[in-house]
């Protein structure tokens, strides 16, 4: 609410979900002989890395223009 009050309403609302079939996840669990549900910590780490990269792309590479306000909620 504070961001909307200061900068106005957002132009984008982006949702980012995890896919257990991502190569990084599948290769790790397959080489250990596990299933994806056995290692939720790996899934969350890969998700966080991809989310951070996406936010970095938005902010640094200005894919959608200059970012004047942004917040990452986890």
PDB file of N, CA and C in Angstrom:
ATOM      1  N   UNK A   1       0.824  -1.190   0.000  1.00  0.00           N
ATOM      2  CA  UNK A   1       0.000   0.000   0.000  1.00  0.00           C
ATOM      3  C   UNK A   1       0.867   1.252   0.000  1.00  0.00           C
ATOM      4  N   UNK A   2       1.977   1.196   0.707  1.00  0.00           N
ATOM      5  CA  UNK A   2       2.848   2.362   0.769  1.00  0.00           C
ATOM      6  C   UNK A   2       3.471   2.650  -0.586  1.00  0.00           C
ATOM      7  N   UNK A   3       3.825   1.605  -1.317  1.00  0.00           N
ATOM      8  CA  UNK A   3       4.403   1.796  -2.648  1.00  0.00           C
ATOM      9  C   UNK A   3       3.368   2.427  -3.579  1.00  0.00           C
ATOM     10  N   UNK A   4       2.115   1.965  -3.513  1.00  0.00           N
ATOM     11  CA  UNK A   4       1.060   2.540  -4.353  1.00  0.00           C
ATOM     12  C   UNK A   4       0.808   3.997  -3.993  1.00  0.00           C
ATOM     13  N   UNK A   5       0.849   4.312  -2.712  1.00  0.00           N
ATOM     14  CA  UNK A   5       0.623   5.689  -2.286  1.00  0.00           C
ATOM     15  C   UNK A   5       1.731   6.602  -2.806  1.00  0.00           C
ATOM     16  N   UNK A   6       2.954   6.127  -2.771  1.00  0.00           N
ATOM     17  CA  UNK A   6       4.104   6.962  -3.159  1.00  0.00           C
ATOM     18  C   UNK A   6       4.305   7.033  -4.667  1.00  0.00           C
ATOM     19  N   UNK A   7       4.156   5.879  -5.364  1.00  0.00           N
ATOM     20  CA  UNK A   7       4.501   5.803  -6.782  1.00  0.00           C
ATOM     21  C   UNK A   7       3.303   5.593  -7.713  1.00  0.00           C
ATOM     22  N   UNK A   8       2.137   5.358  -7.181  1.00  0.00           N
ATOM     23  CA  UNK A   8       0.969   5.086  -8.011  1.00  0.00           C
ATOM     24  C   UNK A   8       0.755   3.584  -8.165  1.00  0.00           C
ATOM     25  N   UNK A   9      -0.320   3.250  -8.833  1.00  0.00           N
ATOM     26  CA  UNK A   9      -0.660   1.841  -8.997  1.00  0.00           C
ATOM     27  C   UNK A   9       0.315   1.154  -9.948  1.00  0.00           C
ATOM     28  N   UNK A  10       0.570  -0.143  -9.729  1.00  0.00           N
ATOM     29  CA  UNK A  10       1.550  -0.855 -10.562  1.00  0.00           C
ATOM     30  C   UNK A  10       1.062  -1.051 -11.996  1.00  0.00           C
ATOM     31  N   UNK A  11       2.031  -1.115 -12.900  1.00  0.00           N
ATOM     32  CA  UNK A  11       1.728  -1.401 -14.300  1.00  0.00           C
ATOM     33  C   UNK A  11       1.678  -2.898 -14.562  1.00  0.00           C
ATOM     34  N   UNK A  12       2.431  -3.652 -13.792  1.00  0.00           N
ATOM     35  CA  UNK A  12       2.519  -5.103 -13.982  1.00  0.00           C
ATOM     36  C   UNK A  12       2.291  -5.827 -12.663  1.00  0.00           C
ATOM     37  N   UNK A  13       1.676  -6.985 -12.755  1.00  0.00           N
ATOM     38  CA  UNK A  13       1.589  -7.907 -11.626  1.00  0.00           C
ATOM     39  C   UNK A  13       2.025  -9.251 -12.172  1.00  0.00           C
ATOM     40  N   UNK A  14       3.214  -9.684 -11.801  1.00  0.00           N
ATOM     41  CA  UNK A  14       3.807 -10.884 -12.384  1.00  0.00           C
ATOM     42  C   UNK A  14       3.811 -12.010 -11.361  1.00  0.00           C
ATOM     43  N   UNK A  15       3.353 -13.166 -11.795  1.00  0.00           N
ATOM     44  CA  UNK A  15       3.359 -14.358 -10.961  1.00  0.00           C
ATOM     45  C   UNK A  15       4.413 -15.310 -11.505  1.00  0.00           C
ATOM     46  N   UNK A  16       5.205 -15.892 -10.617  1.00  0.00           N
ATOM     47  CA  UNK A  16       6.297 -16.781 -11.005  1.00  0.00           C
ATOM     48  C   UNK A  16       6.128 -18.085 -10.243  1.00  0.00           C
ATOM     49  N   UNK A  17       6.028 -19.193 -10.950  1.00  0.00           N
ATOM     50  CA  UNK A  17       5.835 -20.486 -10.303  1.00  0.00           C
ATOM     51  C   UNK A  17       7.011 -21.411 -10.585  1.00  0.00           C
ATOM     52  N   UNK A  18       7.119 -22.440  -9.799  1.00  0.00           N
ATOM     53  CA  UNK A  18       8.205 -23.411  -9.933  1.00  0.00           C
ATOM     54  C   UNK A  18       7.724 -24.610 -10.745  1.00  0.00           C
ATOM     55  N   UNK A  19       8.627 -25.166 -11.503  1.00  0.00           N
ATOM     56  CA  UNK A  19       8.344 -26.355 -12.290  1.00  0.00           C
ATOM     57  C   UNK A  19       9.317 -27.442 -11.859  1.00  0.00           C
ATOM     58  N   UNK A  20       8.803 -28.530 -11.349  1.00  0.00           N
ATOM     59  CA  UNK A  20       9.680 -29.610 -10.878  1.00  0.00           C
ATOM     60  C   UNK A  20      10.403 -30.313 -12.019  1.00  0.00           C
ATOM     61  N   UNK A  21      10.068 -30.003 -13.252  1.00  0.00           N
ATOM     62  CA  UNK A  21      10.746 -30.580 -14.413  1.00  0.00           C
ATOM     63  C   UNK A  21      11.880 -29.712 -14.929  1.00  0.00           C
ATOM     64  N   UNK A  22      12.230 -28.650 -14.218  1.00  0.00           N
ATOM     65  CA  UNK A  22      13.380 -27.851 -14.627  1.00  0.00           C
ATOM     66  C   UNK A  22      14.616 -28.738 -14.631  1.00  0.00           C
ATOM     67  N   UNK A  23      15.495 -28.516 -15.598  1.00  0.00           N
ATOM     68  CA  UNK A  23      16.686 -29.356 -15.761  1.00  0.00           C
ATOM     69  C   UNK A  23      17.558 -29.378 -14.507  1.00  0.00           C
ATOM     70  N   UNK A  24      17.697 -28.249 -13.838  1.00  0.00           N
ATOM     71  CA  UNK A  24      18.541 -28.178 -12.640  1.00  0.00           C
ATOM     72  C   UNK A  24      18.026 -29.103 -11.542  1.00  0.00           C
ATOM     73  N   UNK A  25      16.716 -29.169 -11.397  1.00  0.00           N
ATOM     74  CA  UNK A  25      16.112 -30.014 -10.357  1.00  0.00           C
ATOM     75  C   UNK A  25      16.179 -31.479 -10.754  1.00  0.00           C
ATOM     76  N   UNK A  26      15.755 -31.771 -11.979  1.00  0.00           N
ATOM     77  CA  UNK A  26      15.728 -33.168 -12.426  1.00  0.00           C
ATOM     78  C   UNK A  26      17.109 -33.801 -12.424  1.00  0.00           C
ATOM     79  N   UNK A  27      18.111 -33.072 -12.887  1.00  0.00           N
ATOM     80  CA  UNK A  27      19.449 -33.668 -12.948  1.00  0.00           C
ATOM     81  C   UNK A  27      19.983 -33.966 -11.547  1.00  0.00           C
ATOM     82  N   UNK A  28      19.703 -33.096 -10.586  1.00  0.00           N
ATOM     83  CA  UNK A  28      20.185 -33.332  -9.230  1.00  0.00           C
ATOM     84  C   UNK A  28      19.519 -34.552  -8.602  1.00  0.00           C
ATOM     85  N   UNK A  29      18.194 -34.617  -8.659  1.00  0.00           N
ATOM     86  CA  UNK A  29      17.511 -35.730  -7.987  1.00  0.00           C
ATOM     87  C   UNK A  29      17.731 -37.049  -8.710  1.00  0.00           C
ATOM     88  N   UNK A  30      17.857 -37.028 -10.031  1.00  0.00           N
ATOM     89  CA  UNK A  30      18.080 -38.278 -10.758  1.00  0.00           C
ATOM     90  C   UNK A  30      19.452 -38.868 -10.477  1.00  0.00           C
ATOM     91  N   UNK A  31      20.482 -38.015 -10.372  1.00  0.00           N
ATOM     92  CA  UNK A  31      21.821 -38.562 -10.111  1.00  0.00           C
ATOM     93  C   UNK A  31      21.949 -39.109  -8.694  1.00  0.00           C
ATOM     94  N   UNK A  32      21.103 -38.639  -7.780  1.00  0.00           N
ATOM     95  CA  UNK A  32      21.099 -39.154  -6.402  1.00  0.00           C
ATOM     96  C   UNK A  32      20.139 -40.328  -6.232  1.00  0.00           C
ATOM     97  N   UNK A  33      19.335 -40.610  -7.268  1.00  0.00           N
ATOM     98  CA  UNK A  33      18.365 -41.708  -7.189  1.00  0.00           C
ATOM     99  C   UNK A  33      17.169 -41.359  -6.318  1.00  0.00           C
ATOM    100  N   UNK A  34      16.791 -40.101  -6.281  1.00  0.00           N
ATOM    101  CA  UNK A  34      15.677 -39.647  -5.459  1.00  0.00           C
ATOM    102  C   UNK A  34      14.530 -39.183  -6.335  1.00  0.00           C
ATOM    103  N   UNK A  35      13.404 -38.904  -5.701  1.00  0.00           N
ATOM    104  CA  UNK A  35      12.308 -38.257  -6.415  1.00  0.00           C
ATOM    105  C   UNK A  35      12.286 -36.787  -6.018  1.00  0.00           C
ATOM    106  N   UNK A  36      11.579 -36.002  -6.787  1.00  0.00           N
ATOM    107  CA  UNK A  36      11.540 -34.566  -6.557  1.00  0.00           C
ATOM    108  C   UNK A  36      10.960 -34.249  -5.181  1.00  0.00           C
ATOM    109  N   UNK A  37       9.983 -35.028  -4.742  1.00  0.00           N
ATOM    110  CA  UNK A  37       9.347 -34.766  -3.442  1.00  0.00           C
ATOM    111  C   UNK A  37      10.263 -35.084  -2.260  1.00  0.00           C
ATOM    112  N   UNK A  38      11.357 -35.801  -2.506  1.00  0.00           N
ATOM    113  CA  UNK A  38      12.304 -36.111  -1.433  1.00  0.00           C
ATOM    114  C   UNK A  38      13.174 -34.916  -1.060  1.00  0.00           C
ATOM    115  N   UNK A  39      13.341 -33.951  -1.954  1.00  0.00           N
ATOM    116  CA  UNK A  39      14.248 -32.827  -1.717  1.00  0.00           C
ATOM    117  C   UNK A  39      13.569 -31.472  -1.945  1.00  0.00           C
ATOM    118  N   UNK A  40      12.640 -31.077  -1.084  1.00  0.00           N
ATOM    119  CA  UNK A  40      12.002 -29.771  -1.253  1.00  0.00           C
ATOM    120  C   UNK A  40      12.989 -28.613  -1.094  1.00  0.00           C
ATOM    121  N   UNK A  41      14.095 -28.851  -0.379  1.00  0.00           N
ATOM    122  CA  UNK A  41      15.094 -27.791  -0.221  1.00  0.00           C
ATOM    123  C   UNK A  41      15.751 -27.437  -1.547  1.00  0.00           C
ATOM    124  N   UNK A  42      15.986 -28.439  -2.395  1.00  0.00           N
ATOM    125  CA  UNK A  42      16.579 -28.187  -3.706  1.00  0.00           C
ATOM    126  C   UNK A  42      15.598 -27.418  -4.587  1.00  0.00           C
ATOM    127  N   UNK A  43      14.336 -27.792  -4.524  1.00  0.00           N
ATOM    128  CA  UNK A  43      13.323 -27.097  -5.307  1.00  0.00           C
ATOM    129  C   UNK A  43      13.252 -25.632  -4.903  1.00  0.00           C
ATOM    130  N   UNK A  44      13.255 -25.362  -3.613  1.00  0.00           N
ATOM    131  CA  UNK A  44      13.168 -23.970  -3.162  1.00  0.00           C
ATOM    132  C   UNK A  44      14.429 -23.180  -3.502  1.00  0.00           C
ATOM    133  N   UNK A  45      15.589 -23.816  -3.456  1.00  0.00           N
ATOM    134  CA  UNK A  45      16.829 -23.113  -3.822  1.00  0.00           C
ATOM    135  C   UNK A  45      16.855 -22.747  -5.298  1.00  0.00           C
ATOM    136  N   UNK A  46      16.461 -23.680  -6.148  1.00  0.00           N
ATOM    137  CA  UNK A  46      16.447 -23.413  -7.581  1.00  0.00           C
ATOM    138  C   UNK A  46      15.403 -22.341  -7.897  1.00  0.00           C
ATOM    139  N   UNK A  47      14.248 -22.423  -7.248  1.00  0.00           N
ATOM    140  CA  UNK A  47      13.219 -21.409  -7.447  1.00  0.00           C
ATOM    141  C   UNK A  47      13.732 -20.022  -7.060  1.00  0.00           C
ATOM    142  N   UNK A  48      14.388 -19.922  -5.912  1.00  0.00           N
ATOM    143  CA  UNK A  48      14.908 -18.635  -5.440  1.00  0.00           C
ATOM    144  C   UNK A  48      15.976 -18.100  -6.392  1.00  0.00           C
ATOM    145  N   UNK A  49      16.849 -18.965  -6.900  1.00  0.00           N
ATOM    146  CA  UNK A  49      17.872 -18.522  -7.852  1.00  0.00           C
ATOM    147  C   UNK A  49      17.245 -17.980  -9.131  1.00  0.00           C
ATOM    148  N   UNK A  50      16.230 -18.678  -9.652  1.00  0.00           N
ATOM    149  CA  UNK A  50      15.582 -18.231 -10.873  1.00  0.00           C
ATOM    150  C   UNK A  50      14.774 -16.952 -10.636  1.00  0.00           C
ATOM    151  N   UNK A  51      14.154 -16.840  -9.478  1.00  0.00           N
ATOM    152  CA  UNK A  51      13.407 -15.631  -9.138  1.00  0.00           C
ATOM    153  C   UNK A  51      14.337 -14.432  -9.004  1.00  0.00           C
ATOM    154  N   UNK A  52      15.458 -14.618  -8.332  1.00  0.00           N
ATOM    155  CA  UNK A  52      16.437 -13.534  -8.200  1.00  0.00           C
ATOM    156  C   UNK A  52      16.974 -13.106  -9.565  1.00  0.00           C
ATOM    157  N   UNK A  53      17.211 -14.067 -10.451  1.00  0.00           N
ATOM    158  CA  UNK A  53      17.695 -13.738 -11.791  1.00  0.00           C
ATOM    159  C   UNK A  53      16.646 -12.955 -12.565  1.00  0.00           C
ATOM    160  N   UNK A  54      15.387 -13.356 -12.437  1.00  0.00           N
ATOM    161  CA  UNK A  54      14.320 -12.645 -13.126  1.00  0.00           C
ATOM    162  C   UNK A  54      14.204 -11.206 -12.614  1.00  0.00           C
ATOM    163  N   UNK A  55      14.261 -11.032 -11.298  1.00  0.00           N
ATOM    164  CA  UNK A  55      14.180  -9.683 -10.725  1.00  0.00           C
ATOM    165  C   UNK A  55      15.389  -8.848 -11.144  1.00  0.00           C
ATOM    166  N   UNK A  56      16.551  -9.465 -11.214  1.00  0.00           N
ATOM    167  CA  UNK A  56      17.748  -8.773 -11.671  1.00  0.00           C
ATOM    168  C   UNK A  56      17.582  -8.318 -13.128  1.00  0.00           C
ATOM    169  N   UNK A  57      17.026  -9.186 -13.954  1.00  0.00           N
ATOM    170  CA  UNK A  57      16.778  -8.821 -15.349  1.00  0.00           C
ATOM    171  C   UNK A  57      15.822  -7.634 -15.436  1.00  0.00           C
ATOM    172  N   UNK A  58      14.775  -7.646 -14.643  1.00  0.00           N
ATOM    173  CA  UNK A  58      13.811  -6.548 -14.668  1.00  0.00           C
ATOM    174  C   UNK A  58      14.447  -5.236 -14.227  1.00  0.00           C
ATOM    175  N   UNK A  59      15.247  -5.297 -13.167  1.00  0.00           N
ATOM    176  CA  UNK A  59      15.800  -4.069 -12.589  1.00  0.00           C
ATOM    177  C   UNK A  59      17.031  -3.565 -13.318  1.00  0.00           C
ATOM    178  N   UNK A  60      17.971  -4.443 -13.624  1.00  0.00           N
ATOM    179  CA  UNK A  60      19.242  -4.024 -14.207  1.00  0.00           C
ATOM    180  C   UNK A  60      19.176  -3.888 -15.728  1.00  0.00           C
ATOM    181  N   UNK A  61      18.548  -4.842 -16.375  1.00  0.00           N
ATOM    182  CA  UNK A  61      18.484  -4.827 -17.838  1.00  0.00           C
ATOM    183  C   UNK A  61      17.313  -3.997 -18.354  1.00  0.00           C
ATOM    184  N   UNK A  62      16.446  -3.578 -17.446  1.00  0.00           N
ATOM    185  CA  UNK A  62      15.297  -2.729 -17.766  1.00  0.00           C
ATOM    186  C   UNK A  62      14.489  -3.292 -18.936  1.00  0.00           C
ATOM    187  N   UNK A  63      14.100  -4.541 -18.799  1.00  0.00           N
ATOM    188  CA  UNK A  63      13.353  -5.225 -19.847  1.00  0.00           C
ATOM    189  C   UNK A  63      12.016  -4.551 -20.138  1.00  0.00           C
ATOM    190  N   UNK A  64      11.382  -3.989 -19.119  1.00  0.00           N
ATOM    191  CA  UNK A  64      10.097  -3.319 -19.279  1.00  0.00           C
ATOM    192  C   UNK A  64      10.219  -1.817 -19.070  1.00  0.00           C
ATOM    193  N   UNK A  65      11.418  -1.285 -19.178  1.00  0.00           N
ATOM    194  CA  UNK A  65      11.653   0.129 -18.932  1.00  0.00           C
ATOM    195  C   UNK A  65      12.278   0.329 -17.560  1.00  0.00           C
ATOM    196  N   UNK A  66      12.487   1.582 -17.194  1.00  0.00           N
ATOM    197  CA  UNK A  66      13.131   1.908 -15.934  1.00  0.00           C
ATOM    198  C   UNK A  66      12.222   1.554 -14.757  1.00  0.00           C
ATOM    199  N   UNK A  67      12.780   0.886 -13.775  1.00  0.00           N
ATOM    200  CA  UNK A  67      12.045   0.508 -12.573  1.00  0.00           C
ATOM    201  C   UNK A  67      12.189   1.640 -11.557  1.00  0.00           C
ATOM    202  N   UNK A  68      11.054   2.189 -11.123  1.00  0.00           N
ATOM    203  CA  UNK A  68      11.115   3.260 -10.128  1.00  0.00           C
ATOM    204  C   UNK A  68      10.724   2.760  -8.743  1.00  0.00           C
ATOM    205  N   UNK A  69      10.032   1.632  -8.686  1.00  0.00           N
ATOM    206  CA  UNK A  69       9.665   1.032  -7.401  1.00  0.00           C
ATOM    207  C   UNK A  69       9.487  -0.462  -7.616  1.00  0.00           C
ATOM    208  N   UNK A  70       9.974  -1.240  -6.706  1.00  0.00           N
ATOM    209  CA  UNK A  70       9.815  -2.677  -6.819  1.00  0.00           C
ATOM    210  C   UNK A  70       9.944  -3.328  -5.470  1.00  0.00           C
ATOM    211  N   UNK A  71       9.227  -4.378  -5.286  1.00  0.00           N
ATOM    212  CA  UNK A  71       9.251  -5.080  -4.013  1.00  0.00           C
ATOM    213  C   UNK A  71       9.123  -6.554  -4.298  1.00  0.00           C
ATOM    214  N   UNK A  72       9.908  -7.337  -3.611  1.00  0.00           N
ATOM    215  CA  UNK A  72       9.853  -8.779  -3.753  1.00  0.00           C
ATOM    216  C   UNK A  72       9.273  -9.347  -2.470  1.00  0.00           C
ATOM    217  N   UNK A  73       8.130 -10.003  -2.581  1.00  0.00           N
ATOM    218  CA  UNK A  73       7.461 -10.580  -1.408  1.00  0.00           C
ATOM    219  C   UNK A  73       7.677 -12.084  -1.399  1.00  0.00           C
ATOM    220  N   UNK A  74       8.237 -12.602  -0.333  1.00  0.00           N
ATOM    221  CA  UNK A  74       8.408 -14.042  -0.166  1.00  0.00           C
ATOM    222  C   UNK A  74       7.894 -14.472   1.164  1.00  0.00           C
TER     223      UNK A  74
END
